[in-house]
């Protein structure tokens, strides 16, 4: 019969692996945020005008910020889906040891 401490020790590598996946997601999301902030500050009004023309709205001065925030949010959600679903599934299946 398995006792709780032995079961806890056996599942600990998977717990640390899931923590590693979450930390990887946070790191990649931070890098994506830095890229979006640099692009927003360098492109500014040109990006707001371009994106405003695509959606046929006048975004004003904050248009580039709103656009980069949406790009960052969509990128983070996509990264979360890929990392946690695909890599998380591989982890659950026991393919990573």
PDB file of N, CA and C in Angstrom:
ATOM      1  N   UNK A   1       0.845  -1.180   0.000  1.00  0.00           N
ATOM      2  CA  UNK A   1       0.000   0.000   0.000  1.00  0.00           C
ATOM      3  C   UNK A   1       0.892   1.247   0.000  1.00  0.00           C
ATOM      4  N   UNK A   2       0.523   2.195  -0.840  1.00  0.00           N
ATOM      5  CA  UNK A   2       1.291   3.434  -0.949  1.00  0.00           C
ATOM      6  C   UNK A   2       0.910   4.389   0.164  1.00  0.00           C
ATOM      7  N   UNK A   3       1.893   4.942   0.791  1.00  0.00           N
ATOM      8  CA  UNK A   3       1.579   5.995   1.748  1.00  0.00           C
ATOM      9  C   UNK A   3       1.658   7.350   1.044  1.00  0.00           C
ATOM     10  N   UNK A   4       1.148   8.356   1.681  1.00  0.00           N
ATOM     11  CA  UNK A   4       1.020   9.663   1.026  1.00  0.00           C
ATOM     12  C   UNK A   4       2.377  10.307   0.739  1.00  0.00           C
ATOM     13  N   UNK A   5       3.357  10.125   1.613  1.00  0.00           N
ATOM     14  CA  UNK A   5       4.669  10.723   1.367  1.00  0.00           C
ATOM     15  C   UNK A   5       5.345  10.111   0.148  1.00  0.00           C
ATOM     16  N   UNK A   6       5.217   8.819  -0.017  1.00  0.00           N
ATOM     17  CA  UNK A   6       5.835   8.161  -1.167  1.00  0.00           C
ATOM     18  C   UNK A   6       5.167   8.615  -2.468  1.00  0.00           C
ATOM     19  N   UNK A   7       3.853   8.717  -2.439  1.00  0.00           N
ATOM     20  CA  UNK A   7       3.119   9.185  -3.614  1.00  0.00           C
ATOM     21  C   UNK A   7       3.498  10.628  -3.946  1.00  0.00           C
ATOM     22  N   UNK A   8       3.639  11.445  -2.919  1.00  0.00           N
ATOM     23  CA  UNK A   8       4.033  12.843  -3.117  1.00  0.00           C
ATOM     24  C   UNK A   8       5.427  12.924  -3.735  1.00  0.00           C
ATOM     25  N   UNK A   9       6.358  12.128  -3.259  1.00  0.00           N
ATOM     26  CA  UNK A   9       7.721  12.129  -3.804  1.00  0.00           C
ATOM     27  C   UNK A   9       7.759  11.627  -5.247  1.00  0.00           C
ATOM     28  N   UNK A  10       6.904  10.698  -5.579  1.00  0.00           N
ATOM     29  CA  UNK A  10       6.894  10.164  -6.940  1.00  0.00           C
ATOM     30  C   UNK A  10       6.328  11.164  -7.940  1.00  0.00           C
ATOM     31  N   UNK A  11       5.416  11.997  -7.510  1.00  0.00           N
ATOM     32  CA  UNK A  11       4.812  12.976  -8.432  1.00  0.00           C
ATOM     33  C   UNK A  11       5.525  14.326  -8.412  1.00  0.00           C
ATOM     34  N   UNK A  12       6.490  14.498  -7.539  1.00  0.00           N
ATOM     35  CA  UNK A  12       7.201  15.780  -7.431  1.00  0.00           C
ATOM     36  C   UNK A  12       7.899  16.207  -8.728  1.00  0.00           C
ATOM     37  N   UNK A  13       8.552  15.316  -9.494  1.00  0.00           N
ATOM     38  CA  UNK A  13       9.159  15.777 -10.757  1.00  0.00           C
ATOM     39  C   UNK A  13       8.154  16.377 -11.725  1.00  0.00           C
ATOM     40  N   UNK A  14       6.943  15.843 -11.772  1.00  0.00           N
ATOM     41  CA  UNK A  14       5.918  16.387 -12.657  1.00  0.00           C
ATOM     42  C   UNK A  14       5.446  17.759 -12.161  1.00  0.00           C
ATOM     43  N   UNK A  15       5.385  17.923 -10.854  1.00  0.00           N
ATOM     44  CA  UNK A  15       5.010  19.222 -10.291  1.00  0.00           C
ATOM     45  C   UNK A  15       6.048  20.275 -10.663  1.00  0.00           C
ATOM     46  N   UNK A  16       7.321  19.936 -10.524  1.00  0.00           N
ATOM     47  CA  UNK A  16       8.375  20.876 -10.896  1.00  0.00           C
ATOM     48  C   UNK A  16       8.398  21.135 -12.400  1.00  0.00           C
ATOM     49  N   UNK A  17       8.083  20.142 -13.195  1.00  0.00           N
ATOM     50  CA  UNK A  17       8.049  20.332 -14.643  1.00  0.00           C
ATOM     51  C   UNK A  17       6.913  21.286 -15.030  1.00  0.00           C
ATOM     52  N   UNK A  18       5.752  21.155 -14.407  1.00  0.00           N
ATOM     53  CA  UNK A  18       4.651  22.085 -14.691  1.00  0.00           C
ATOM     54  C   UNK A  18       4.989  23.501 -14.218  1.00  0.00           C
ATOM     55  N   UNK A  19       5.694  23.601 -13.102  1.00  0.00           N
ATOM     56  CA  UNK A  19       6.151  24.907 -12.639  1.00  0.00           C
ATOM     57  C   UNK A  19       7.126  25.502 -13.651  1.00  0.00           C
ATOM     58  N   UNK A  20       7.995  24.675 -14.191  1.00  0.00           N
ATOM     59  CA  UNK A  20       8.927  25.135 -15.221  1.00  0.00           C
ATOM     60  C   UNK A  20       8.210  25.621 -16.465  1.00  0.00           C
ATOM     61  N   UNK A  21       7.145  24.925 -16.858  1.00  0.00           N
ATOM     62  CA  UNK A  21       6.358  25.379 -18.015  1.00  0.00           C
ATOM     63  C   UNK A  21       5.705  26.727 -17.742  1.00  0.00           C
ATOM     64  N   UNK A  22       5.187  26.913 -16.537  1.00  0.00           N
ATOM     65  CA  UNK A  22       4.565  28.191 -16.186  1.00  0.00           C
ATOM     66  C   UNK A  22       5.601  29.315 -16.168  1.00  0.00           C
ATOM     67  N   UNK A  23       6.794  29.034 -15.660  1.00  0.00           N
ATOM     68  CA  UNK A  23       7.850  30.046 -15.658  1.00  0.00           C
ATOM     69  C   UNK A  23       8.304  30.374 -17.083  1.00  0.00           C
ATOM     70  N   UNK A  24       8.370  29.371 -17.947  1.00  0.00           N
ATOM     71  CA  UNK A  24       8.701  29.602 -19.352  1.00  0.00           C
ATOM     72  C   UNK A  24       7.651  30.489 -20.005  1.00  0.00           C
ATOM     73  N   UNK A  25       6.392  30.239 -19.716  1.00  0.00           N
ATOM     74  CA  UNK A  25       5.316  31.072 -20.251  1.00  0.00           C
ATOM     75  C   UNK A  25       5.451  32.511 -19.767  1.00  0.00           C
ATOM     76  N   UNK A  26       5.748  32.710 -18.501  1.00  0.00           N
ATOM     77  CA  UNK A  26       5.915  34.062 -17.962  1.00  0.00           C
ATOM     78  C   UNK A  26       7.094  34.762 -18.615  1.00  0.00           C
ATOM     79  N   UNK A  27       8.189  34.052 -18.812  1.00  0.00           N
ATOM     80  CA  UNK A  27       9.369  34.636 -19.452  1.00  0.00           C
ATOM     81  C   UNK A  27       9.069  35.045 -20.895  1.00  0.00           C
ATOM     82  N   UNK A  28       8.448  34.155 -21.652  1.00  0.00           N
ATOM     83  CA  UNK A  28       8.127  34.467 -23.049  1.00  0.00           C
ATOM     84  C   UNK A  28       7.114  35.600 -23.159  1.00  0.00           C
ATOM     85  N   UNK A  29       6.168  35.649 -22.242  1.00  0.00           N
ATOM     86  CA  UNK A  29       5.192  36.734 -22.235  1.00  0.00           C
ATOM     87  C   UNK A  29       5.864  38.068 -21.922  1.00  0.00           C
ATOM     88  N   UNK A  30       6.826  38.061 -21.001  1.00  0.00           N
ATOM     89  CA  UNK A  30       7.574  39.280 -20.691  1.00  0.00           C
ATOM     90  C   UNK A  30       8.405  39.757 -21.866  1.00  0.00           C
ATOM     91  N   UNK A  31       9.034  38.825 -22.580  1.00  0.00           N
ATOM     92  CA  UNK A  31       9.814  39.185 -23.772  1.00  0.00           C
ATOM     93  C   UNK A  31       8.906  39.770 -24.846  1.00  0.00           C
ATOM     94  N   UNK A  32       7.739  39.156 -25.038  1.00  0.00           N
ATOM     95  CA  UNK A  32       6.779  39.674 -26.015  1.00  0.00           C
ATOM     96  C   UNK A  32       6.293  41.066 -25.614  1.00  0.00           C
ATOM     97  N   UNK A  33       6.078  41.298 -24.332  1.00  0.00           N
ATOM     98  CA  UNK A  33       5.667  42.616 -23.864  1.00  0.00           C
ATOM     99  C   UNK A  33       6.748  43.652 -24.148  1.00  0.00           C
ATOM    100  N   UNK A  34       8.001  43.302 -23.890  1.00  0.00           N
ATOM    101  CA  UNK A  34       9.102  44.240 -24.164  1.00  0.00           C
ATOM    102  C   UNK A  34       9.183  44.569 -25.651  1.00  0.00           C
ATOM    103  N   UNK A  35       9.000  43.572 -26.502  1.00  0.00           N
ATOM    104  CA  UNK A  35       9.026  43.805 -27.942  1.00  0.00           C
ATOM    105  C   UNK A  35       7.877  44.735 -28.357  1.00  0.00           C
ATOM    106  N   UNK A  36       6.692  44.493 -27.810  1.00  0.00           N
ATOM    107  CA  UNK A  36       5.544  45.333 -28.145  1.00  0.00           C
ATOM    108  C   UNK A  36       5.737  46.765 -27.665  1.00  0.00           C
ATOM    109  N   UNK A  37       6.333  46.942 -26.492  1.00  0.00           N
ATOM    110  CA  UNK A  37       6.577  48.299 -25.988  1.00  0.00           C
ATOM    111  C   UNK A  37       7.596  49.040 -26.843  1.00  0.00           C
ATOM    112  N   UNK A  38       8.630  48.340 -27.280  1.00  0.00           N
ATOM    113  CA  UNK A  38       9.632  48.969 -28.143  1.00  0.00           C
ATOM    114  C   UNK A  38       9.004  49.345 -29.486  1.00  0.00           C
ATOM    115  N   UNK A  39       8.209  48.444 -30.046  1.00  0.00           N
ATOM    116  CA  UNK A  39       7.547  48.750 -31.323  1.00  0.00           C
ATOM    117  C   UNK A  39       6.571  49.906 -31.185  1.00  0.00           C
ATOM    118  N   UNK A  40       5.863  49.944 -30.070  1.00  0.00           N
ATOM    119  CA  UNK A  40       4.892  51.015 -29.864  1.00  0.00           C
ATOM    120  C   UNK A  40       5.588  52.363 -29.762  1.00  0.00           C
ATOM    121  N   UNK A  41       6.698  52.404 -29.058  1.00  0.00           N
ATOM    122  CA  UNK A  41       7.381  53.685 -28.903  1.00  0.00           C
ATOM    123  C   UNK A  41       8.103  54.112 -30.184  1.00  0.00           C
ATOM    124  N   UNK A  42       8.541  53.146 -30.981  1.00  0.00           N
ATOM    125  CA  UNK A  42       9.260  53.516 -32.202  1.00  0.00           C
ATOM    126  C   UNK A  42       8.309  53.847 -33.350  1.00  0.00           C
ATOM    127  N   UNK A  43       7.189  53.151 -33.430  1.00  0.00           N
ATOM    128  CA  UNK A  43       6.277  53.394 -34.556  1.00  0.00           C
ATOM    129  C   UNK A  43       5.239  54.454 -34.220  1.00  0.00           C
ATOM    130  N   UNK A  44       4.710  54.449 -33.016  1.00  0.00           N
ATOM    131  CA  UNK A  44       3.796  55.472 -32.526  1.00  0.00           C
ATOM    132  C   UNK A  44       2.618  55.761 -33.426  1.00  0.00           C
ATOM    133  N   UNK A  45       2.545  56.987 -33.915  1.00  0.00           N
ATOM    134  CA  UNK A  45       1.389  57.464 -34.671  1.00  0.00           C
ATOM    135  C   UNK A  45       1.227  56.740 -36.005  1.00  0.00           C
ATOM    136  N   UNK A  46       2.338  56.325 -36.623  1.00  0.00           N
ATOM    137  CA  UNK A  46       2.231  55.603 -37.896  1.00  0.00           C
ATOM    138  C   UNK A  46       1.480  54.287 -37.715  1.00  0.00           C
ATOM    139  N   UNK A  47       1.790  53.571 -36.651  1.00  0.00           N
ATOM    140  CA  UNK A  47       1.102  52.307 -36.385  1.00  0.00           C
ATOM    141  C   UNK A  47      -0.366  52.541 -36.070  1.00  0.00           C
ATOM    142  N   UNK A  48      -0.663  53.596 -35.312  1.00  0.00           N
ATOM    143  CA  UNK A  48      -2.053  53.909 -34.976  1.00  0.00           C
ATOM    144  C   UNK A  48      -2.849  54.247 -36.227  1.00  0.00           C
ATOM    145  N   UNK A  49      -2.230  55.000 -37.118  1.00  0.00           N
ATOM    146  CA  UNK A  49      -2.914  55.365 -38.356  1.00  0.00           C
ATOM    147  C   UNK A  49      -3.144  54.131 -39.232  1.00  0.00           C
ATOM    148  N   UNK A  50      -2.159  53.258 -39.332  1.00  0.00           N
ATOM    149  CA  UNK A  50      -2.279  52.055 -40.151  1.00  0.00           C
ATOM    150  C   UNK A  50      -3.350  51.127 -39.606  1.00  0.00           C
ATOM    151  N   UNK A  51      -3.299  50.865 -38.308  1.00  0.00           N
ATOM    152  CA  UNK A  51      -4.278  49.956 -37.705  1.00  0.00           C
ATOM    153  C   UNK A  51      -5.662  50.582 -37.718  1.00  0.00           C
ATOM    154  N   UNK A  52      -5.737  51.884 -37.492  1.00  0.00           N
ATOM    155  CA  UNK A  52      -7.024  52.570 -37.578  1.00  0.00           C
ATOM    156  C   UNK A  52      -7.617  52.483 -38.966  1.00  0.00           C
ATOM    157  N   UNK A  53      -6.763  52.535 -39.989  1.00  0.00           N
ATOM    158  CA  UNK A  53      -7.243  52.377 -41.361  1.00  0.00           C
ATOM    159  C   UNK A  53      -7.752  50.971 -41.629  1.00  0.00           C
ATOM    160  N   UNK A  54      -7.133  49.979 -40.998  1.00  0.00           N
ATOM    161  CA  UNK A  54      -7.582  48.589 -41.183  1.00  0.00           C
ATOM    162  C   UNK A  54      -8.965  48.351 -40.595  1.00  0.00           C
ATOM    163  N   UNK A  55      -9.221  48.932 -39.429  1.00  0.00           N
ATOM    164  CA  UNK A  55     -10.518  48.701 -38.789  1.00  0.00           C
ATOM    165  C   UNK A  55     -11.486  49.866 -39.019  1.00  0.00           C
ATOM    166  N   UNK A  56     -11.057  50.824 -39.834  1.00  0.00           N
ATOM    167  CA  UNK A  56     -11.881  51.966 -40.224  1.00  0.00           C
ATOM    168  C   UNK A  56     -12.381  52.765 -39.036  1.00  0.00           C
ATOM    169  N   UNK A  57     -11.491  52.998 -38.086  1.00  0.00           N
ATOM    170  CA  UNK A  57     -11.798  53.818 -36.919  1.00  0.00           C
ATOM    171  C   UNK A  57     -10.650  54.786 -36.683  1.00  0.00           C
ATOM    172  N   UNK A  58     -10.951  55.915 -36.066  1.00  0.00           N
ATOM    173  CA  UNK A  58      -9.905  56.860 -35.680  1.00  0.00           C
ATOM    174  C   UNK A  58      -9.488  56.509 -34.255  1.00  0.00           C
ATOM    175  N   UNK A  59      -8.293  55.957 -34.111  1.00  0.00           N
ATOM    176  CA  UNK A  59      -7.835  55.514 -32.803  1.00  0.00           C
ATOM    177  C   UNK A  59      -7.212  56.634 -31.982  1.00  0.00           C
ATOM    178  N   UNK A  60      -6.885  57.723 -32.608  1.00  0.00           N
ATOM    179  CA  UNK A  60      -6.319  58.852 -31.885  1.00  0.00           C
ATOM    180  C   UNK A  60      -4.882  58.603 -31.449  1.00  0.00           C
ATOM    181  N   UNK A  61      -4.457  59.327 -30.417  1.00  0.00           N
ATOM    182  CA  UNK A  61      -3.070  59.251 -29.961  1.00  0.00           C
ATOM    183  C   UNK A  61      -2.737  57.922 -29.303  1.00  0.00           C
ATOM    184  N   UNK A  62      -3.696  57.315 -28.648  1.00  0.00           N
ATOM    185  CA  UNK A  62      -3.448  56.066 -27.917  1.00  0.00           C
ATOM    186  C   UNK A  62      -3.666  54.828 -28.774  1.00  0.00           C
ATOM    187  N   UNK A  63      -3.827  55.010 -30.044  1.00  0.00           N
ATOM    188  CA  UNK A  63      -4.116  53.881 -30.924  1.00  0.00           C
ATOM    189  C   UNK A  63      -3.012  52.849 -30.979  1.00  0.00           C
ATOM    190  N   UNK A  64      -1.769  53.296 -31.039  1.00  0.00           N
ATOM    191  CA  UNK A  64      -0.649  52.360 -31.101  1.00  0.00           C
ATOM    192  C   UNK A  64      -0.534  51.568 -29.808  1.00  0.00           C
ATOM    193  N   UNK A  65      -0.778  52.218 -28.692  1.00  0.00           N
ATOM    194  CA  UNK A  65      -0.728  51.532 -27.401  1.00  0.00           C
ATOM    195  C   UNK A  65      -1.815  50.471 -27.313  1.00  0.00           C
ATOM    196  N   UNK A  66      -3.003  50.815 -27.739  1.00  0.00           N
ATOM    197  CA  UNK A  66      -4.108  49.862 -27.710  1.00  0.00           C
ATOM    198  C   UNK A  66      -3.821  48.693 -28.653  1.00  0.00           C
ATOM    199  N   UNK A  67      -3.304  49.000 -29.818  1.00  0.00           N
ATOM    200  CA  UNK A  67      -2.995  47.947 -30.794  1.00  0.00           C
ATOM    201  C   UNK A  67      -1.917  47.008 -30.268  1.00  0.00           C
ATOM    202  N   UNK A  68      -0.854  47.550 -29.694  1.00  0.00           N
ATOM    203  CA  UNK A  68       0.223  46.702 -29.168  1.00  0.00           C
ATOM    204  C   UNK A  68      -0.242  45.903 -27.963  1.00  0.00           C
ATOM    205  N   UNK A  69      -1.132  46.471 -27.151  1.00  0.00           N
ATOM    206  CA  UNK A  69      -1.689  45.730 -26.025  1.00  0.00           C
ATOM    207  C   UNK A  69      -2.501  44.535 -26.526  1.00  0.00           C
ATOM    208  N   UNK A  70      -3.283  44.759 -27.581  1.00  0.00           N
ATOM    209  CA  UNK A  70      -4.067  43.655 -28.157  1.00  0.00           C
ATOM    210  C   UNK A  70      -3.159  42.585 -28.761  1.00  0.00           C
ATOM    211  N   UNK A  71      -2.092  43.014 -29.426  1.00  0.00           N
ATOM    212  CA  UNK A  71      -1.144  42.052 -30.004  1.00  0.00           C
ATOM    213  C   UNK A  71      -0.466  41.255 -28.895  1.00  0.00           C
ATOM    214  N   UNK A  72      -0.061  41.924 -27.816  1.00  0.00           N
ATOM    215  CA  UNK A  72       0.587  41.233 -26.701  1.00  0.00           C
ATOM    216  C   UNK A  72      -0.376  40.246 -26.046  1.00  0.00           C
ATOM    217  N   UNK A  73      -1.613  40.670 -25.851  1.00  0.00           N
ATOM    218  CA  UNK A  73      -2.597  39.796 -25.214  1.00  0.00           C
ATOM    219  C   UNK A  73      -2.881  38.571 -26.071  1.00  0.00           C
ATOM    220  N   UNK A  74      -3.043  38.770 -27.377  1.00  0.00           N
ATOM    221  CA  UNK A  74      -3.282  37.638 -28.279  1.00  0.00           C
ATOM    222  C   UNK A  74      -2.063  36.711 -28.318  1.00  0.00           C
ATOM    223  N   UNK A  75      -0.879  37.280 -28.315  1.00  0.00           N
ATOM    224  CA  UNK A  75       0.332  36.461 -28.314  1.00  0.00           C
ATOM    225  C   UNK A  75       0.477  35.662 -27.034  1.00  0.00           C
ATOM    226  N   UNK A  76       0.157  36.267 -25.905  1.00  0.00           N
ATOM    227  CA  UNK A  76       0.249  35.566 -24.623  1.00  0.00           C
ATOM    228  C   UNK A  76      -0.776  34.441 -24.545  1.00  0.00           C
ATOM    229  N   UNK A  77      -1.972  34.691 -25.019  1.00  0.00           N
ATOM    230  CA  UNK A  77      -2.992  33.637 -25.024  1.00  0.00           C
ATOM    231  C   UNK A  77      -2.563  32.490 -25.939  1.00  0.00           C
ATOM    232  N   UNK A  78      -2.004  32.819 -27.105  1.00  0.00           N
ATOM    233  CA  UNK A  78      -1.514  31.785 -28.013  1.00  0.00           C
ATOM    234  C   UNK A  78      -0.377  30.984 -27.406  1.00  0.00           C
ATOM    235  N   UNK A  79       0.568  31.682 -26.756  1.00  0.00           N
ATOM    236  CA  UNK A  79       1.662  30.979 -26.091  1.00  0.00           C
ATOM    237  C   UNK A  79       1.142  30.078 -24.975  1.00  0.00           C
ATOM    238  N   UNK A  80       0.175  30.572 -24.211  1.00  0.00           N
ATOM    239  CA  UNK A  80      -0.406  29.763 -23.131  1.00  0.00           C
ATOM    240  C   UNK A  80      -1.042  28.501 -23.697  1.00  0.00           C
ATOM    241  N   UNK A  81      -1.783  28.663 -24.779  1.00  0.00           N
ATOM    242  CA  UNK A  81      -2.429  27.502 -25.388  1.00  0.00           C
ATOM    243  C   UNK A  81      -1.400  26.476 -25.846  1.00  0.00           C
ATOM    244  N   UNK A  82      -0.359  26.935 -26.532  1.00  0.00           N
ATOM    245  CA  UNK A  82       0.650  26.012 -27.059  1.00  0.00           C
ATOM    246  C   UNK A  82       1.444  25.358 -25.934  1.00  0.00           C
ATOM    247  N   UNK A  83       1.936  26.178 -25.014  1.00  0.00           N
ATOM    248  CA  UNK A  83       2.803  25.634 -23.971  1.00  0.00           C
ATOM    249  C   UNK A  83       2.033  24.741 -23.009  1.00  0.00           C
ATOM    250  N   UNK A  84       0.940  25.230 -22.481  1.00  0.00           N
ATOM    251  CA  UNK A  84       0.243  24.464 -21.451  1.00  0.00           C
ATOM    252  C   UNK A  84      -0.540  23.285 -22.026  1.00  0.00           C
ATOM    253  N   UNK A  85      -1.083  23.425 -23.221  1.00  0.00           N
ATOM    254  CA  UNK A  85      -1.839  22.303 -23.766  1.00  0.00           C
ATOM    255  C   UNK A  85      -0.932  21.261 -24.402  1.00  0.00           C
ATOM    256  N   UNK A  86      -0.048  21.676 -25.283  1.00  0.00           N
ATOM    257  CA  UNK A  86       0.793  20.699 -25.964  1.00  0.00           C
ATOM    258  C   UNK A  86       1.873  20.144 -25.047  1.00  0.00           C
ATOM    259  N   UNK A  87       2.682  21.030 -24.485  1.00  0.00           N
ATOM    260  CA  UNK A  87       3.754  20.556 -23.608  1.00  0.00           C
ATOM    261  C   UNK A  87       3.178  19.961 -22.330  1.00  0.00           C
ATOM    262  N   UNK A  88       2.085  20.525 -21.835  1.00  0.00           N
ATOM    263  CA  UNK A  88       1.427  19.953 -20.656  1.00  0.00           C
ATOM    264  C   UNK A  88       0.896  18.559 -20.935  1.00  0.00           C
ATOM    265  N   UNK A  89       0.384  18.345 -22.133  1.00  0.00           N
ATOM    266  CA  UNK A  89      -0.084  17.002 -22.499  1.00  0.00           C
ATOM    267  C   UNK A  89       1.084  16.022 -22.559  1.00  0.00           C
ATOM    268  N   UNK A  90       2.206  16.458 -23.153  1.00  0.00           N
ATOM    269  CA  UNK A  90       3.378  15.585 -23.191  1.00  0.00           C
ATOM    270  C   UNK A  90       3.853  15.244 -21.780  1.00  0.00           C
ATOM    271  N   UNK A  91       3.748  16.201 -20.903  1.00  0.00           N
ATOM    272  CA  UNK A  91       4.134  15.968 -19.515  1.00  0.00           C
ATOM    273  C   UNK A  91       3.185  14.980 -18.852  1.00  0.00           C
ATOM    274  N   UNK A  92       1.880  15.147 -19.067  1.00  0.00           N
ATOM    275  CA  UNK A  92       0.903  14.227 -18.496  1.00  0.00           C
ATOM    276  C   UNK A  92       1.072  12.819 -19.037  1.00  0.00           C
ATOM    277  N   UNK A  93       1.423  12.738 -20.307  1.00  0.00           N
ATOM    278  CA  UNK A  93       1.580  11.425 -20.923  1.00  0.00           C
ATOM    279  C   UNK A  93       2.871  10.750 -20.467  1.00  0.00           C
ATOM    280  N   UNK A  94       3.728  11.486 -19.789  1.00  0.00           N
ATOM    281  CA  UNK A  94       4.952  10.905 -19.270  1.00  0.00           C
ATOM    282  C   UNK A  94       6.065  10.814 -20.299  1.00  0.00           C
ATOM    283  N   UNK A  95       5.975  11.621 -21.350  1.00  0.00           N
ATOM    284  CA  UNK A  95       7.002  11.554 -22.396  1.00  0.00           C
ATOM    285  C   UNK A  95       8.254  12.328 -22.015  1.00  0.00           C
ATOM    286  N   UNK A  96       8.142  13.203 -21.016  1.00  0.00           N
ATOM    287  CA  UNK A  96       9.317  13.944 -20.548  1.00  0.00           C
ATOM    288  C   UNK A  96       9.697  13.408 -19.188  1.00  0.00           C
ATOM    289  N   UNK A  97      10.885  12.936 -19.064  1.00  0.00           N
ATOM    290  CA  UNK A  97      11.365  12.465 -17.764  1.00  0.00           C
ATOM    291  C   UNK A  97      12.723  12.967 -17.530  1.00  0.00           C
TER     292      UNK A  97
END
